[in-house]
Amino acid sequence: MRFVVLIGASGSGKTSIARAIEQRFENEIRVFYFDRIGVPPADRMIASHGSGEAWQRAKTFEWIAKLAPLSTAGHGLLFEGQTRLAFLAEAMEAAGIAVYSPILVDCDDATRAQRLYRDRQQPELADKDMMNWADWLRRDARKRGCDILDTSEFVLDRCVDYVMERLRQNSP
């Protein structure tokens, strides 16, 4: 089993996919959620780490360090959250994890806005900053050759199958 990391901006569908996998494959896959640590307001991130980016980087390192011992335990590992691919790569290297598969879970801006407004009741997140963050993640994923799972035409079963295929792949 592999270690797969779902990254993406808010409203992309990464948590829905992770929850479905957790429910359907609880004996096979261990699922962890970045946000379970609690995401403080931006002013507290800045006060404690100097910037939101620095907070995100520090928490990515903390999470990966916690997950490292589990990465060799035989179960597949799925971790989901908002982080940069660069932070993830640094954290994996620091933790001694050489094999993992990052997947950018993405969608078009109209779909993201609809999910944030209607489904999540968080219209404050459907702003220009979130759309710019999603665009930045998309460009960075393409530049790095990262898998991109487009959930704009969201069919949960198809997305779960896509991620499970990667979790079940033998290590290269």
C-alpha atoms as a PDB file:
ATOM      1  CA  MET A   1       0.000   0.000   0.000  1.00  0.00           C
ATOM      2  CA  ARG A   2       1.022   3.532  -0.643  1.00  0.00           C
ATOM      3  CA  PHE A   3       0.913   6.901   1.028  1.00  0.00           C
ATOM      4  CA  VAL A   4      -1.352   9.260  -0.941  1.00  0.00           C
ATOM      5  CA  VAL A   5      -1.782  12.937  -0.148  1.00  0.00           C
ATOM      6  CA  LEU A   6      -4.776  14.877  -1.441  1.00  0.00           C
ATOM      7  CA  ILE A   7      -4.129  18.589  -1.617  1.00  0.00           C
ATOM      8  CA  GLY A   8      -6.362  21.330  -2.940  1.00  0.00           C
ATOM      9  CA  ALA A   9      -8.087  24.579  -2.193  1.00  0.00           C
ATOM     10  CA  SER A  10     -11.335  24.747  -0.237  1.00  0.00           C
ATOM     11  CA  GLY A  11     -14.309  23.363  -2.122  1.00  0.00           C
ATOM     12  CA  SER A  12     -12.296  21.057  -4.372  1.00  0.00           C
ATOM     13  CA  GLY A  13     -13.795  17.834  -2.972  1.00  0.00           C
ATOM     14  CA  LYS A  14     -10.758  16.410  -1.192  1.00  0.00           C
ATOM     15  CA  THR A  15     -12.530  15.963   2.151  1.00  0.00           C
ATOM     16  CA  SER A  16     -15.570  14.323   0.529  1.00  0.00           C
ATOM     17  CA  ILE A  17     -13.297  11.840  -1.225  1.00  0.00           C
ATOM     18  CA  ALA A  18     -11.315  11.149   1.961  1.00  0.00           C
ATOM     19  CA  ARG A  19     -14.484  10.601   4.007  1.00  0.00           C
ATOM     20  CA  ALA A  20     -15.882   8.185   1.427  1.00  0.00           C
ATOM     21  CA  ILE A  21     -12.644   6.199   1.418  1.00  0.00           C
ATOM     22  CA  GLU A  22     -12.555   6.203   5.211  1.00  0.00           C
ATOM     23  CA  GLN A  23     -16.110   4.821   5.352  1.00  0.00           C
ATOM     24  CA  ARG A  24     -15.758   2.262   2.571  1.00  0.00           C
ATOM     25  CA  PHE A  25     -12.241   0.995   3.261  1.00  0.00           C
ATOM     26  CA  GLU A  26     -11.812   1.450   7.013  1.00  0.00           C
ATOM     27  CA  ASN A  27      -9.969  -1.877   7.398  1.00  0.00           C
ATOM     28  CA  GLU A  28      -7.581  -1.150   4.548  1.00  0.00           C
ATOM     29  CA  ILE A  29      -6.867   2.604   4.544  1.00  0.00           C
ATOM     30  CA  ARG A  30      -6.005   4.962   7.396  1.00  0.00           C
ATOM     31  CA  VAL A  31      -7.253   8.486   6.699  1.00  0.00           C
ATOM     32  CA  PHE A  32      -6.007  11.708   8.289  1.00  0.00           C
ATOM     33  CA  TYR A  33      -7.265  15.271   7.907  1.00  0.00           C
ATOM     34  CA  PHE A  34      -4.972  18.290   8.113  1.00  0.00           C
ATOM     35  CA  ASP A  35      -7.736  20.509   9.515  1.00  0.00           C
ATOM     36  CA  ARG A  36      -8.257  18.257  12.542  1.00  0.00           C
ATOM     37  CA  ILE A  37      -5.405  20.139  14.202  1.00  0.00           C
ATOM     38  CA  GLY A  38      -7.606  23.225  14.172  1.00  0.00           C
ATOM     39  CA  VAL A  39      -6.977  26.059  11.784  1.00  0.00           C
ATOM     40  CA  PRO A  40      -6.622  29.351  13.636  1.00  0.00           C
ATOM     41  CA  PRO A  41      -7.549  32.740  12.211  1.00  0.00           C
ATOM     42  CA  ALA A  42      -4.899  34.383  10.036  1.00  0.00           C
ATOM     43  CA  ASP A  43      -3.886  36.852  12.755  1.00  0.00           C
ATOM     44  CA  ARG A  44      -2.996  33.973  15.112  1.00  0.00           C
ATOM     45  CA  MET A  45      -1.052  32.176  12.378  1.00  0.00           C
ATOM     46  CA  ILE A  46       0.927  35.358  11.818  1.00  0.00           C
ATOM     47  CA  ALA A  47       1.449  35.929  15.540  1.00  0.00           C
ATOM     48  CA  SER A  48       2.721  32.396  16.120  1.00  0.00           C
ATOM     49  CA  HIS A  49       4.651  31.743  12.886  1.00  0.00           C
ATOM     50  CA  GLY A  50       5.152  35.064  11.115  1.00  0.00           C
ATOM     51  CA  SER A  51       2.776  34.294   8.225  1.00  0.00           C
ATOM     52  CA  GLY A  52       0.017  31.957   7.126  1.00  0.00           C
ATOM     53  CA  GLU A  53       2.477  30.226   4.801  1.00  0.00           C
ATOM     54  CA  ALA A  54       4.958  29.626   7.615  1.00  0.00           C
ATOM     55  CA  TRP A  55       2.153  28.183   9.771  1.00  0.00           C
ATOM     56  CA  GLN A  56       1.073  25.889   6.910  1.00  0.00           C
ATOM     57  CA  ARG A  57       4.659  24.723   6.368  1.00  0.00           C
ATOM     58  CA  ALA A  58       5.229  24.049  10.085  1.00  0.00           C
ATOM     59  CA  LYS A  59       1.978  22.097  10.413  1.00  0.00           C
ATOM     60  CA  THR A  60       2.749  20.084   7.270  1.00  0.00           C
ATOM     61  CA  PHE A  61       6.063  19.062   8.836  1.00  0.00           C
ATOM     62  CA  GLU A  62       4.317  18.149  12.127  1.00  0.00           C
ATOM     63  CA  TRP A  63       1.703  16.026  10.370  1.00  0.00           C
ATOM     64  CA  ILE A  64       4.160  14.163   8.183  1.00  0.00           C
ATOM     65  CA  ALA A  65       6.424  13.470  11.168  1.00  0.00           C
ATOM     66  CA  LYS A  66       3.406  11.950  12.978  1.00  0.00           C
ATOM     67  CA  LEU A  67       2.447   9.857   9.950  1.00  0.00           C
ATOM     68  CA  ALA A  68       5.965   8.642   9.112  1.00  0.00           C
ATOM     69  CA  PRO A  69       5.914   5.640  11.493  1.00  0.00           C
ATOM     70  CA  LEU A  70       2.573   4.558  10.019  1.00  0.00           C
ATOM     71  CA  SER A  71       3.868   4.693   6.449  1.00  0.00           C
ATOM     72  CA  THR A  72       5.536   1.307   6.830  1.00  0.00           C
ATOM     73  CA  ALA A  73       2.774  -0.407   8.798  1.00  0.00           C
ATOM     74  CA  GLY A  74       1.097  -2.155   5.857  1.00  0.00           C
ATOM     75  CA  HIS A  75      -2.101  -0.128   5.641  1.00  0.00           C
ATOM     76  CA  GLY A  76      -2.536   2.463   2.959  1.00  0.00           C
ATOM     77  CA  LEU A  77      -2.313   6.030   4.235  1.00  0.00           C
ATOM     78  CA  LEU A  78      -4.425   8.878   2.947  1.00  0.00           C
ATOM     79  CA  PHE A  79      -3.787  12.410   4.138  1.00  0.00           C
ATOM     80  CA  GLU A  80      -5.809  15.374   2.935  1.00  0.00           C
ATOM     81  CA  GLY A  81      -5.417  19.090   3.388  1.00  0.00           C
ATOM     82  CA  GLN A  82      -4.363  22.416   2.012  1.00  0.00           C
ATOM     83  CA  THR A  83      -0.633  22.684   1.635  1.00  0.00           C
ATOM     84  CA  ARG A  84       1.943  23.435  -1.014  1.00  0.00           C
ATOM     85  CA  LEU A  85       3.640  20.647  -2.908  1.00  0.00           C
ATOM     86  CA  ALA A  86       7.005  22.149  -1.960  1.00  0.00           C
ATOM     87  CA  PHE A  87       6.165  21.997   1.763  1.00  0.00           C
ATOM     88  CA  LEU A  88       4.968  18.427   1.342  1.00  0.00           C
ATOM     89  CA  ALA A  89       8.144  17.373  -0.467  1.00  0.00           C
ATOM     90  CA  GLU A  90      10.338  18.992   2.196  1.00  0.00           C
ATOM     91  CA  ALA A  91       8.380  17.353   5.016  1.00  0.00           C
ATOM     92  CA  MET A  92       8.478  13.919   3.378  1.00  0.00           C
ATOM     93  CA  GLU A  93      12.229  14.177   2.875  1.00  0.00           C
ATOM     94  CA  ALA A  94      12.758  15.291   6.468  1.00  0.00           C
ATOM     95  CA  ALA A  95      10.666  12.331   7.680  1.00  0.00           C
ATOM     96  CA  GLY A  96      12.548   9.866   5.484  1.00  0.00           C
ATOM     97  CA  ILE A  97       9.531   9.025   3.316  1.00  0.00           C
ATOM     98  CA  ALA A  98      10.728   8.479  -0.238  1.00  0.00           C
ATOM     99  CA  VAL A  99       7.563   7.039  -1.768  1.00  0.00           C
ATOM    100  CA  TYR A 100       4.274   8.909  -1.713  1.00  0.00           C
ATOM    101  CA  SER A 101       1.771  10.107  -4.275  1.00  0.00           C
ATOM    102  CA  PRO A 102       0.446  13.649  -4.133  1.00  0.00           C
ATOM    103  CA  ILE A 103      -2.799  14.338  -5.981  1.00  0.00           C
ATOM    104  CA  LEU A 104      -4.175  17.813  -6.527  1.00  0.00           C
ATOM    105  CA  VAL A 105      -7.944  17.666  -6.148  1.00  0.00           C
ATOM    106  CA  ASP A 106      -9.226  20.548  -8.239  1.00  0.00           C
ATOM    107  CA  CYS A 107     -12.341  21.983  -9.868  1.00  0.00           C
ATOM    108  CA  ASP A 108     -13.302  25.006 -11.893  1.00  0.00           C
ATOM    109  CA  ASP A 109     -14.021  28.276 -10.082  1.00  0.00           C
ATOM    110  CA  ALA A 110     -17.788  28.188 -10.690  1.00  0.00           C
ATOM    111  CA  THR A 111     -18.035  24.712  -9.165  1.00  0.00           C
ATOM    112  CA  ARG A 112     -15.852  25.742  -6.211  1.00  0.00           C
ATOM    113  CA  ALA A 113     -18.013  28.806  -5.538  1.00  0.00           C
ATOM    114  CA  GLN A 114     -21.205  26.752  -5.735  1.00  0.00           C
ATOM    115  CA  ARG A 115     -19.861  24.171  -3.286  1.00  0.00           C
ATOM    116  CA  LEU A 116     -18.674  26.814  -0.846  1.00  0.00           C
ATOM    117  CA  TYR A 117     -21.926  28.787  -1.012  1.00  0.00           C
ATOM    118  CA  ARG A 118     -24.523  26.025  -1.225  1.00  0.00           C
ATOM    119  CA  ASP A 119     -23.003  22.819   0.100  1.00  0.00           C
ATOM    120  CA  ARG A 120     -20.699  24.105   2.829  1.00  0.00           C
ATOM    121  CA  GLN A 121     -22.517  27.322   3.700  1.00  0.00           C
ATOM    122  CA  GLN A 122     -19.178  29.167   3.731  1.00  0.00           C
ATOM    123  CA  PRO A 123     -19.627  31.972   1.190  1.00  0.00           C
ATOM    124  CA  GLU A 124     -16.796  33.942   2.805  1.00  0.00           C
ATOM    125  CA  LEU A 125     -14.361  31.372   1.389  1.00  0.00           C
ATOM    126  CA  ALA A 126     -15.577  31.825  -2.194  1.00  0.00           C
ATOM    127  CA  ASP A 127     -13.520  34.956  -2.679  1.00  0.00           C
ATOM    128  CA  LYS A 128     -10.806  36.082  -5.080  1.00  0.00           C
ATOM    129  CA  ASP A 129      -8.063  34.933  -2.684  1.00  0.00           C
ATOM    130  CA  MET A 130      -9.380  31.340  -2.685  1.00  0.00           C
ATOM    131  CA  MET A 131      -9.713  31.316  -6.467  1.00  0.00           C
ATOM    132  CA  ASN A 132      -6.152  32.669  -6.807  1.00  0.00           C
ATOM    133  CA  TRP A 133      -4.885  30.021  -4.361  1.00  0.00           C
ATOM    134  CA  ALA A 134      -6.616  27.305  -6.405  1.00  0.00           C
ATOM    135  CA  ASP A 135      -5.091  28.680  -9.606  1.00  0.00           C
ATOM    136  CA  TRP A 136      -1.626  28.803  -8.005  1.00  0.00           C
ATOM    137  CA  LEU A 137      -1.936  25.183  -6.820  1.00  0.00           C
ATOM    138  CA  ARG A 138      -3.065  24.129 -10.313  1.00  0.00           C
ATOM    139  CA  ARG A 139      -0.124  25.823 -12.038  1.00  0.00           C
ATOM    140  CA  ASP A 140       2.336  24.433  -9.474  1.00  0.00           C
ATOM    141  CA  ALA A 141       0.946  20.897  -9.855  1.00  0.00           C
ATOM    142  CA  ARG A 142       1.282  21.071 -13.641  1.00  0.00           C
ATOM    143  CA  LYS A 143       4.836  22.412 -13.352  1.00  0.00           C
ATOM    144  CA  ARG A 144       5.801  19.569 -10.996  1.00  0.00           C
ATOM    145  CA  GLY A 145       4.016  16.824 -12.961  1.00  0.00           C
ATOM    146  CA  CYS A 146       1.637  16.094 -10.082  1.00  0.00           C
ATOM    147  CA  ASP A 147      -1.559  14.097 -10.703  1.00  0.00           C
ATOM    148  CA  ILE A 148      -4.608  16.361 -10.950  1.00  0.00           C
ATOM    149  CA  LEU A 149      -8.061  14.985 -10.211  1.00  0.00           C
ATOM    150  CA  ASP A 150     -10.670  17.368 -11.642  1.00  0.00           C
ATOM    151  CA  THR A 151     -13.881  17.088  -9.638  1.00  0.00           C
ATOM    152  CA  SER A 152     -15.811  19.731 -11.584  1.00  0.00           C
ATOM    153  CA  GLU A 153     -18.090  16.985 -12.900  1.00  0.00           C
ATOM    154  CA  PHE A 154     -18.046  15.372  -9.446  1.00  0.00           C
ATOM    155  CA  VAL A 155     -18.937  11.704  -9.436  1.00  0.00           C
ATOM    156  CA  LEU A 156     -17.812  10.547  -6.020  1.00  0.00           C
ATOM    157  CA  ASP A 157     -17.427   6.874  -6.927  1.00  0.00           C
ATOM    158  CA  ARG A 158     -15.153   7.729  -9.864  1.00  0.00           C
ATOM    159  CA  CYS A 159     -12.993   9.948  -7.658  1.00  0.00           C
ATOM    160  CA  VAL A 160     -12.781   7.277  -4.948  1.00  0.00           C
ATOM    161  CA  ASP A 161     -11.761   4.707  -7.572  1.00  0.00           C
ATOM    162  CA  TYR A 162      -9.063   7.053  -8.894  1.00  0.00           C
ATOM    163  CA  VAL A 163      -7.534   7.544  -5.437  1.00  0.00           C
ATOM    164  CA  MET A 164      -7.878   3.883  -4.466  1.00  0.00           C
ATOM    165  CA  GLU A 165      -5.997   2.845  -7.622  1.00  0.00           C
ATOM    166  CA  ARG A 166      -3.072   4.954  -6.463  1.00  0.00           C
ATOM    167  CA  LEU A 167      -3.302   3.660  -2.899  1.00  0.00           C
ATOM    168  CA  ARG A 168      -3.240   0.063  -4.114  1.00  0.00           C
ATOM    169  CA  GLN A 169      -0.303   0.482  -6.506  1.00  0.00           C
ATOM    170  CA  ASN A 170       2.884  -1.263  -5.522  1.00  0.00           C
ATOM    171  CA  SER A 171       5.692   1.046  -4.554  1.00  0.00           C
ATOM    172  CA  PRO A 172       7.916   1.919  -7.517  1.00  0.00           C
END
